[in-house]
N, C-alpha and C. Protein backbone atom coordinates (compact mmCIF):
# COMPACT_ATOMS: atom_id res chain seq x y z
N MET A 1 92.26 121.54 82.52
CA MET A 1 92.76 122.73 83.19
C MET A 1 92.55 123.92 82.26
N PRO A 2 91.76 124.91 82.69
CA PRO A 2 91.54 126.09 81.86
C PRO A 2 92.83 126.88 81.69
N SER A 3 92.94 127.51 80.53
CA SER A 3 94.08 128.38 80.27
C SER A 3 93.59 129.66 79.61
N VAL A 4 94.36 130.71 79.82
CA VAL A 4 94.03 132.03 79.28
C VAL A 4 95.25 132.53 78.52
N PHE A 5 95.01 133.10 77.35
CA PHE A 5 96.07 133.72 76.56
C PHE A 5 95.54 135.06 76.07
N THR A 6 96.24 136.13 76.41
CA THR A 6 95.87 137.47 75.95
C THR A 6 97.14 138.16 75.49
N SER A 7 97.06 138.82 74.34
CA SER A 7 98.24 139.53 73.83
C SER A 7 97.81 140.89 73.30
N SER A 8 98.81 141.77 73.21
CA SER A 8 98.54 143.12 72.73
C SER A 8 99.84 143.73 72.25
N VAL A 9 99.73 144.85 71.56
CA VAL A 9 100.89 145.64 71.16
C VAL A 9 100.81 146.96 71.90
N ILE A 10 101.87 147.26 72.63
CA ILE A 10 101.94 148.49 73.42
C ILE A 10 102.82 149.48 72.64
N PRO A 11 102.36 150.73 72.49
CA PRO A 11 103.10 151.71 71.68
C PRO A 11 104.28 152.35 72.41
N ALA A 12 105.19 151.50 72.87
CA ALA A 12 106.41 151.98 73.55
C ALA A 12 107.45 150.89 73.50
N ASP A 13 108.69 151.30 73.60
CA ASP A 13 109.82 150.38 73.65
C ASP A 13 109.63 149.39 74.81
N ALA A 14 109.99 148.13 74.60
CA ALA A 14 109.81 147.09 75.61
C ALA A 14 110.51 147.43 76.92
N ASP A 15 111.67 148.06 76.86
CA ASP A 15 112.38 148.41 78.09
C ASP A 15 111.63 149.47 78.89
N ARG A 16 111.00 150.42 78.22
CA ARG A 16 110.20 151.45 78.92
C ARG A 16 109.00 150.82 79.60
N VAL A 17 108.31 149.94 78.91
CA VAL A 17 107.14 149.29 79.50
C VAL A 17 107.57 148.39 80.65
N TRP A 18 108.65 147.63 80.46
CA TRP A 18 109.14 146.75 81.51
C TRP A 18 109.49 147.54 82.77
N ALA A 19 110.10 148.71 82.60
CA ALA A 19 110.44 149.55 83.75
C ALA A 19 109.19 149.93 84.54
N ALA A 20 108.06 150.06 83.87
CA ALA A 20 106.81 150.44 84.53
C ALA A 20 106.14 149.27 85.25
N ILE A 21 106.35 148.05 84.77
CA ILE A 21 105.59 146.92 85.31
C ILE A 21 106.41 145.89 86.08
N ARG A 22 107.74 145.95 86.04
CA ARG A 22 108.56 144.87 86.61
C ARG A 22 108.45 144.76 88.12
N ASP A 23 108.22 145.88 88.81
CA ASP A 23 108.07 145.85 90.26
C ASP A 23 106.75 145.15 90.57
N PHE A 24 106.83 144.05 91.31
CA PHE A 24 105.65 143.24 91.61
C PHE A 24 104.61 144.02 92.41
N ASN A 25 105.02 145.11 93.03
CA ASN A 25 104.10 145.92 93.83
C ASN A 25 103.55 147.12 93.06
N ALA A 26 103.86 147.23 91.78
CA ALA A 26 103.48 148.42 91.00
C ALA A 26 102.09 148.33 90.36
N LEU A 27 101.35 147.29 90.59
CA LEU A 27 100.04 147.14 89.94
C LEU A 27 99.15 148.38 90.05
N PRO A 28 99.02 149.00 91.21
CA PRO A 28 98.14 150.18 91.27
C PRO A 28 98.61 151.34 90.39
N ASP A 29 99.89 151.34 90.04
CA ASP A 29 100.42 152.40 89.19
C ASP A 29 100.01 152.27 87.74
N TRP A 30 99.67 151.05 87.30
CA TRP A 30 99.37 150.88 85.88
C TRP A 30 98.11 150.09 85.59
N HIS A 31 97.56 149.37 86.54
CA HIS A 31 96.34 148.58 86.28
C HIS A 31 95.13 149.25 86.93
N PRO A 32 94.11 149.58 86.14
CA PRO A 32 92.97 150.32 86.67
C PRO A 32 92.10 149.53 87.65
N GLY A 33 92.24 148.23 87.70
CA GLY A 33 91.42 147.43 88.60
C GLY A 33 91.99 147.26 89.99
N ILE A 34 93.16 147.85 90.24
CA ILE A 34 93.85 147.66 91.51
C ILE A 34 93.84 148.97 92.30
N ALA A 35 93.30 148.91 93.51
CA ALA A 35 93.21 150.11 94.35
C ALA A 35 94.49 150.35 95.13
N GLU A 36 95.03 149.31 95.75
CA GLU A 36 96.25 149.45 96.54
C GLU A 36 96.94 148.11 96.66
N SER A 37 98.24 148.17 96.95
CA SER A 37 99.04 146.95 97.05
C SER A 37 100.18 147.16 98.02
N ARG A 38 100.57 146.09 98.68
CA ARG A 38 101.76 146.14 99.54
C ARG A 38 102.45 144.79 99.47
N ILE A 39 103.76 144.82 99.64
CA ILE A 39 104.54 143.59 99.70
C ILE A 39 104.66 143.21 101.18
N GLU A 40 104.33 141.98 101.48
CA GLU A 40 104.38 141.52 102.87
C GLU A 40 105.82 141.35 103.35
N ASP A 41 106.02 141.43 104.64
CA ASP A 41 107.29 141.17 105.32
C ASP A 41 108.40 142.14 104.92
N GLY A 42 108.04 143.29 104.37
CA GLY A 42 109.04 144.31 104.07
C GLY A 42 110.02 143.97 102.96
N LEU A 43 109.72 142.96 102.17
CA LEU A 43 110.62 142.58 101.07
C LEU A 43 110.49 143.57 99.91
N PRO A 44 111.52 143.68 99.08
CA PRO A 44 111.39 144.53 97.89
C PRO A 44 110.45 143.89 96.86
N GLY A 45 109.91 144.72 95.98
CA GLY A 45 108.95 144.26 94.99
C GLY A 45 109.54 143.46 93.85
N ASP A 46 110.84 143.23 93.86
CA ASP A 46 111.45 142.39 92.83
C ASP A 46 112.15 141.17 93.42
N ALA A 47 111.84 140.84 94.67
CA ALA A 47 112.43 139.67 95.32
C ALA A 47 111.60 138.43 95.02
N VAL A 48 112.19 137.49 94.30
CA VAL A 48 111.46 136.25 94.00
C VAL A 48 111.07 135.62 95.33
N GLY A 49 109.81 135.24 95.42
CA GLY A 49 109.26 134.67 96.65
C GLY A 49 108.43 135.66 97.43
N CYS A 50 108.55 136.96 97.12
CA CYS A 50 107.77 137.95 97.86
C CYS A 50 106.27 137.77 97.57
N VAL A 51 105.47 138.24 98.50
CA VAL A 51 104.02 138.12 98.38
C VAL A 51 103.41 139.52 98.35
N ARG A 52 102.61 139.77 97.31
CA ARG A 52 101.89 141.05 97.27
C ARG A 52 100.47 140.79 97.76
N ASN A 53 100.01 141.71 98.57
CA ASN A 53 98.67 141.66 99.13
C ASN A 53 97.99 142.90 98.60
N PHE A 54 96.96 142.73 97.79
CA PHE A 54 96.37 143.89 97.16
C PHE A 54 94.85 143.86 97.17
N THR A 55 94.30 145.04 97.00
CA THR A 55 92.86 145.24 97.02
C THR A 55 92.41 145.72 95.65
N LEU A 56 91.37 145.08 95.14
CA LEU A 56 90.78 145.49 93.87
C LEU A 56 89.90 146.73 94.07
N THR A 57 89.60 147.43 93.02
CA THR A 57 88.73 148.60 93.13
C THR A 57 87.32 148.22 93.58
N ASP A 58 86.93 146.95 93.37
CA ASP A 58 85.61 146.50 93.85
C ASP A 58 85.65 145.98 95.28
N GLY A 59 86.83 146.07 95.94
CA GLY A 59 86.97 145.65 97.32
C GLY A 59 87.52 144.26 97.53
N GLY A 60 87.63 143.46 96.47
CA GLY A 60 88.19 142.12 96.58
C GLY A 60 89.64 142.16 97.04
N GLN A 61 90.05 141.13 97.77
CA GLN A 61 91.41 141.05 98.31
C GLN A 61 92.10 139.83 97.72
N LEU A 62 93.35 139.99 97.27
CA LEU A 62 94.14 138.89 96.73
C LEU A 62 95.53 138.90 97.33
N ARG A 63 96.12 137.72 97.36
CA ARG A 63 97.53 137.57 97.71
C ARG A 63 98.16 136.74 96.60
N GLU A 64 99.28 137.25 96.06
CA GLU A 64 99.99 136.56 94.99
C GLU A 64 101.47 136.49 95.32
N GLN A 65 102.12 135.44 94.85
CA GLN A 65 103.54 135.25 95.12
C GLN A 65 104.33 135.33 93.82
N LEU A 66 105.42 136.08 93.85
CA LEU A 66 106.33 136.20 92.71
C LEU A 66 107.16 134.93 92.63
N LEU A 67 106.99 134.18 91.55
CA LEU A 67 107.67 132.90 91.38
C LEU A 67 108.92 133.01 90.51
N GLY A 68 108.97 134.03 89.68
CA GLY A 68 110.14 134.22 88.82
C GLY A 68 110.13 135.61 88.22
N LEU A 69 111.32 136.19 88.06
CA LEU A 69 111.47 137.51 87.47
C LEU A 69 112.75 137.49 86.65
N ASP A 70 112.63 137.74 85.35
CA ASP A 70 113.77 137.69 84.45
C ASP A 70 113.82 139.00 83.67
N ASP A 71 114.73 139.89 84.07
CA ASP A 71 114.82 141.20 83.41
C ASP A 71 115.28 141.09 81.97
N ARG A 72 116.19 140.18 81.69
CA ARG A 72 116.67 140.04 80.32
C ARG A 72 115.56 139.61 79.37
N ALA A 73 114.73 138.66 79.81
CA ALA A 73 113.61 138.18 79.00
C ALA A 73 112.35 139.02 79.20
N ARG A 74 112.40 139.99 80.11
CA ARG A 74 111.24 140.82 80.44
C ARG A 74 110.05 139.91 80.75
N ARG A 75 110.22 139.04 81.75
CA ARG A 75 109.23 138.00 82.06
C ARG A 75 109.03 137.91 83.57
N CYS A 76 107.77 137.83 83.94
CA CYS A 76 107.37 137.70 85.35
C CYS A 76 106.44 136.50 85.48
N VAL A 77 106.68 135.66 86.47
CA VAL A 77 105.83 134.50 86.74
C VAL A 77 105.32 134.62 88.18
N TYR A 78 104.03 134.43 88.36
CA TYR A 78 103.47 134.54 89.70
C TYR A 78 102.30 133.57 89.88
N GLY A 79 101.99 133.31 91.12
CA GLY A 79 100.86 132.43 91.44
C GLY A 79 99.94 133.10 92.45
N ILE A 80 98.68 132.73 92.39
CA ILE A 80 97.70 133.25 93.36
C ILE A 80 97.72 132.35 94.59
N LEU A 81 97.83 132.98 95.74
CA LEU A 81 97.75 132.27 97.01
C LEU A 81 96.34 132.31 97.60
N GLU A 82 95.71 133.48 97.51
CA GLU A 82 94.35 133.67 98.00
C GLU A 82 93.61 134.60 97.05
N SER A 83 92.35 134.27 96.77
CA SER A 83 91.56 135.07 95.83
C SER A 83 90.08 134.88 96.10
N PRO A 84 89.26 135.91 95.83
CA PRO A 84 87.82 135.71 95.92
C PRO A 84 87.26 134.89 94.75
N MET A 85 88.06 134.69 93.72
CA MET A 85 87.61 133.88 92.58
C MET A 85 87.70 132.40 92.94
N PRO A 86 86.77 131.60 92.46
CA PRO A 86 86.75 130.17 92.79
C PRO A 86 87.73 129.36 91.92
N LEU A 87 89.02 129.59 92.15
CA LEU A 87 90.04 128.87 91.39
C LEU A 87 91.20 128.53 92.32
N TRP A 88 92.06 127.63 91.86
CA TRP A 88 93.23 127.24 92.62
C TRP A 88 94.32 126.79 91.66
N ASN A 89 95.54 126.65 92.19
CA ASN A 89 96.72 126.29 91.38
C ASN A 89 96.88 127.21 90.17
N TYR A 90 96.66 128.49 90.40
CA TYR A 90 96.75 129.51 89.36
C TYR A 90 98.20 129.96 89.22
N VAL A 91 98.71 129.88 88.01
CA VAL A 91 100.05 130.39 87.70
C VAL A 91 99.94 131.21 86.42
N ALA A 92 100.50 132.41 86.45
CA ALA A 92 100.44 133.31 85.30
C ALA A 92 101.84 133.76 84.90
N VAL A 93 101.96 134.11 83.62
CA VAL A 93 103.21 134.63 83.07
C VAL A 93 102.88 135.90 82.30
N LEU A 94 103.61 136.96 82.61
CA LEU A 94 103.49 138.22 81.88
C LEU A 94 104.86 138.49 81.26
N ARG A 95 104.88 138.70 79.93
CA ARG A 95 106.17 138.96 79.29
C ARG A 95 106.02 139.98 78.18
N LEU A 96 107.14 140.62 77.89
CA LEU A 96 107.21 141.62 76.84
C LEU A 96 108.30 141.23 75.86
N LEU A 97 108.04 141.45 74.59
CA LEU A 97 109.03 141.22 73.54
C LEU A 97 109.15 142.48 72.70
N PRO A 98 110.37 142.85 72.31
CA PRO A 98 110.51 144.03 71.46
C PRO A 98 109.95 143.77 70.07
N ILE A 99 109.39 144.81 69.48
CA ILE A 99 109.02 144.80 68.07
C ILE A 99 110.04 145.69 67.38
N THR A 100 110.72 145.15 66.41
CA THR A 100 111.81 145.89 65.77
C THR A 100 111.31 146.93 64.77
N ASP A 101 110.06 146.88 64.41
CA ASP A 101 109.47 147.83 63.47
C ASP A 101 108.78 148.94 64.26
N GLY A 102 109.54 149.91 64.71
CA GLY A 102 108.98 151.02 65.46
C GLY A 102 109.16 150.83 66.96
N ALA A 103 108.83 151.87 67.69
CA ALA A 103 108.97 151.85 69.14
C ALA A 103 107.71 151.24 69.75
N ARG A 104 107.61 149.93 69.63
CA ARG A 104 106.46 149.19 70.16
C ARG A 104 106.97 147.91 70.78
N CYS A 105 106.09 147.26 71.55
CA CYS A 105 106.43 145.94 72.08
C CYS A 105 105.20 145.05 72.07
N TYR A 106 105.46 143.78 72.00
CA TYR A 106 104.44 142.75 72.07
C TYR A 106 104.33 142.33 73.53
N ALA A 107 103.12 142.35 74.05
CA ALA A 107 102.86 141.96 75.43
C ALA A 107 101.99 140.71 75.43
N GLU A 108 102.34 139.79 76.29
CA GLU A 108 101.62 138.51 76.37
C GLU A 108 101.41 138.18 77.84
N TRP A 109 100.17 137.80 78.18
CA TRP A 109 99.83 137.45 79.56
C TRP A 109 99.06 136.14 79.48
N THR A 110 99.57 135.12 80.14
CA THR A 110 98.93 133.80 80.11
C THR A 110 98.70 133.31 81.53
N ALA A 111 97.76 132.41 81.67
CA ALA A 111 97.51 131.80 82.98
C ALA A 111 96.90 130.42 82.78
N GLU A 112 97.20 129.56 83.73
CA GLU A 112 96.55 128.25 83.84
C GLU A 112 96.11 128.11 85.29
N PHE A 113 95.00 127.43 85.48
CA PHE A 113 94.48 127.25 86.83
C PHE A 113 93.51 126.07 86.84
N GLU A 114 93.09 125.72 88.02
CA GLU A 114 92.06 124.71 88.19
C GLU A 114 90.84 125.36 88.80
N CYS A 115 89.68 124.81 88.47
CA CYS A 115 88.41 125.31 89.00
C CYS A 115 87.34 124.27 88.76
N ALA A 116 86.18 124.50 89.31
CA ALA A 116 85.04 123.63 89.02
C ALA A 116 84.67 123.79 87.55
N PRO A 117 84.31 122.71 86.86
CA PRO A 117 83.98 122.80 85.43
C PRO A 117 82.94 123.87 85.10
N ASP A 118 81.96 124.05 85.96
CA ASP A 118 80.92 125.04 85.69
C ASP A 118 81.42 126.48 85.77
N ASP A 119 82.56 126.70 86.41
CA ASP A 119 83.11 128.04 86.56
C ASP A 119 84.12 128.40 85.47
N ALA A 120 84.58 127.43 84.71
CA ALA A 120 85.71 127.63 83.81
C ALA A 120 85.48 128.75 82.78
N ALA A 121 84.38 128.71 82.06
CA ALA A 121 84.16 129.71 81.00
C ALA A 121 84.12 131.12 81.56
N ASN A 122 83.43 131.32 82.66
CA ASN A 122 83.33 132.64 83.27
C ASN A 122 84.70 133.12 83.77
N LEU A 123 85.47 132.23 84.37
CA LEU A 123 86.79 132.63 84.88
C LEU A 123 87.75 132.96 83.74
N VAL A 124 87.72 132.19 82.67
CA VAL A 124 88.58 132.48 81.52
C VAL A 124 88.22 133.86 80.95
N GLU A 125 86.95 134.16 80.85
CA GLU A 125 86.50 135.46 80.37
C GLU A 125 86.93 136.59 81.31
N THR A 126 86.72 136.40 82.60
CA THR A 126 87.06 137.42 83.60
C THR A 126 88.56 137.70 83.61
N VAL A 127 89.36 136.66 83.64
CA VAL A 127 90.81 136.83 83.69
C VAL A 127 91.32 137.40 82.37
N GLY A 128 90.92 136.82 81.25
CA GLY A 128 91.44 137.23 79.95
C GLY A 128 91.00 138.61 79.51
N ASN A 129 89.70 138.85 79.54
CA ASN A 129 89.20 140.12 79.03
C ASN A 129 89.10 141.19 80.11
N GLY A 130 88.87 140.79 81.34
CA GLY A 130 88.78 141.76 82.41
C GLY A 130 90.14 142.16 82.95
N VAL A 131 90.85 141.20 83.49
CA VAL A 131 92.12 141.50 84.16
C VAL A 131 93.23 141.77 83.15
N PHE A 132 93.52 140.81 82.28
CA PHE A 132 94.67 140.94 81.38
C PHE A 132 94.46 142.04 80.35
N GLN A 133 93.35 142.01 79.61
CA GLN A 133 93.13 143.03 78.59
C GLN A 133 92.95 144.40 79.22
N GLY A 134 92.33 144.46 80.39
CA GLY A 134 92.20 145.73 81.10
C GLY A 134 93.56 146.34 81.41
N GLY A 135 94.50 145.50 81.81
CA GLY A 135 95.86 145.98 82.07
C GLY A 135 96.55 146.45 80.80
N PHE A 136 96.41 145.67 79.73
CA PHE A 136 97.03 146.06 78.47
C PHE A 136 96.44 147.37 77.93
N ASP A 137 95.13 147.52 78.04
CA ASP A 137 94.50 148.75 77.57
C ASP A 137 95.02 149.97 78.35
N ALA A 138 95.21 149.79 79.65
CA ALA A 138 95.74 150.88 80.47
C ALA A 138 97.18 151.21 80.07
N LEU A 139 97.97 150.19 79.79
CA LEU A 139 99.34 150.44 79.34
C LEU A 139 99.37 151.15 77.99
N LYS A 140 98.47 150.78 77.10
CA LYS A 140 98.40 151.46 75.81
C LYS A 140 98.04 152.94 76.00
N ASP A 141 97.09 153.21 76.88
CA ASP A 141 96.73 154.61 77.16
C ASP A 141 97.89 155.36 77.79
N ARG A 142 98.56 154.72 78.71
CA ARG A 142 99.70 155.36 79.41
C ARG A 142 100.83 155.73 78.46
N PHE A 143 101.08 154.86 77.50
CA PHE A 143 102.20 155.08 76.58
C PHE A 143 101.76 155.70 75.25
N GLY A 144 100.52 156.19 75.19
CA GLY A 144 100.10 156.98 74.06
C GLY A 144 99.47 156.23 72.91
N GLY A 145 98.85 155.08 73.18
CA GLY A 145 98.26 154.29 72.10
C GLY A 145 96.85 154.59 71.78
């Protein structure tokens, strides 16, 4: 089972960054690869079990479900329900930890999924360096890094 681990340091307090990303529907506000997003069935963006339906800037469509949200731990767990990528059983965790040396936080985004063996290396690269690092880079720019 392929896995992805990407981490970064964001130049802002963990609570400030968490406030920007905790809403499951906020991806277009902070991730440059997301054109638009909506939560299905009128649920709030922090309701565990809600499904976000979003469009990538390249036109791809995804549906993801919020599996867990922990404000105290600044942790979000979600799974992909539908994706143009050739993968399945995808579960990801995004979390923030405070750094006590300055107004910064440690950000970590991980995922595990299943796919055809021939697709694994490309998918790990796309998810890790494209999706996850792209999001972290945007957060660093947003918070002045």
